[in-house]
Amino acid sequence: MDWVLIAFALFKGLVFVAGMHFAIKWHYDQELKGTDRRTLVRMGSKFVAAFVLLLLLVLLFTFGLARMLGMDLSLP
């Protein structure tokens, strides 16, 4: 039974190392590609918009669920 922990830790380490290798390789390849500034700004704004939209959806879901469960959400 002691080998299970060692096997899982080894597998986790291998997955982590492989993920870091591919992340570094991807960033290096993107640097070589040489994207222009407009594309980077457009992609960044899309990510920010998606994040804000998802944040609002989670907030609405949380407050809707709290109301459905009968929690009092009014301010004093």
Protein backbone atom coordinates (compact mmCIF):
# COMPACT_ATOMS: atom_id res chain seq x y z
CA MET A 1 0.00 0.00 0.00
CA ASP A 2 2.95 2.34 0.50
CA TRP A 3 3.81 2.27 -3.21
CA VAL A 4 0.48 3.88 -4.18
CA LEU A 5 1.47 7.24 -2.69
CA ILE A 6 4.86 7.08 -4.40
CA ALA A 7 3.28 6.18 -7.76
CA PHE A 8 0.72 9.00 -7.54
CA ALA A 9 3.36 11.55 -6.54
CA LEU A 10 5.61 10.40 -9.38
CA PHE A 11 2.73 10.63 -11.89
CA LYS A 12 1.82 14.11 -10.64
CA GLY A 13 5.42 15.22 -11.00
CA LEU A 14 5.68 13.84 -14.53
CA VAL A 15 2.45 15.56 -15.58
CA PHE A 16 3.66 18.83 -14.06
CA VAL A 17 7.04 18.63 -15.83
CA ALA A 18 5.40 17.79 -19.18
CA GLY A 19 2.94 20.66 -18.78
CA MET A 20 5.69 23.13 -17.99
CA HIS A 21 7.73 21.91 -20.95
CA PHE A 22 4.86 22.45 -23.38
CA ALA A 23 3.97 25.83 -21.82
CA ILE A 24 7.53 27.10 -22.21
CA LYS A 25 7.73 25.72 -25.74
CA TRP A 26 4.42 27.39 -26.70
CA HIS A 27 5.54 30.77 -25.33
CA TYR A 28 8.86 30.47 -27.13
CA ASP A 29 7.09 29.64 -30.42
CA GLN A 30 4.71 32.58 -29.95
CA GLU A 31 7.66 34.92 -29.50
CA LEU A 32 9.19 33.66 -32.73
CA LYS A 33 5.90 34.14 -34.56
CA GLY A 34 5.95 37.89 -33.79
CA THR A 35 2.33 38.93 -33.40
CA ASP A 36 1.53 42.60 -33.78
CA ARG A 37 0.38 44.87 -30.98
CA ARG A 38 -3.22 45.23 -32.24
CA THR A 39 -3.78 41.50 -32.13
CA LEU A 40 -2.46 41.29 -28.58
CA VAL A 41 -4.70 44.15 -27.42
CA ARG A 42 -7.73 42.59 -29.14
CA MET A 43 -7.06 39.20 -27.56
CA GLY A 44 -6.51 40.79 -24.14
CA SER A 45 -9.75 42.73 -24.36
CA LYS A 46 -11.64 39.55 -25.33
CA PHE A 47 -10.22 37.73 -22.32
CA VAL A 48 -11.14 40.60 -19.99
CA ALA A 49 -14.67 40.77 -21.43
CA ALA A 50 -15.12 37.00 -21.06
CA PHE A 51 -13.83 37.12 -17.48
CA VAL A 52 -16.17 39.95 -16.52
CA LEU A 53 -19.13 38.20 -18.16
CA LEU A 54 -18.39 34.94 -16.35
CA LEU A 55 -17.93 36.82 -13.07
CA LEU A 56 -21.35 38.44 -13.49
CA LEU A 57 -22.95 35.09 -14.32
CA VAL A 58 -21.47 33.47 -11.21
CA LEU A 59 -22.61 36.43 -9.11
CA LEU A 60 -26.16 36.27 -10.48
CA PHE A 61 -26.27 32.51 -9.98
CA THR A 62 -25.06 32.86 -6.38
CA PHE A 63 -27.60 35.52 -5.49
CA GLY A 64 -30.39 33.63 -7.26
CA LEU A 65 -29.55 30.45 -5.38
CA ALA A 66 -29.35 32.34 -2.07
CA ARG A 67 -32.78 33.91 -2.68
CA MET A 68 -34.22 30.55 -3.67
CA LEU A 69 -32.97 29.07 -0.40
CA GLY A 70 -34.63 31.90 1.55
CA MET A 71 -31.54 33.80 2.65
CA ASP A 72 -31.96 37.48 3.50
CA LEU A 73 -29.59 39.46 1.26
CA SER A 74 -30.81 42.98 2.10
CA LEU A 75 -28.38 45.49 3.52
CA PRO A 76 -29.08 46.87 7.02
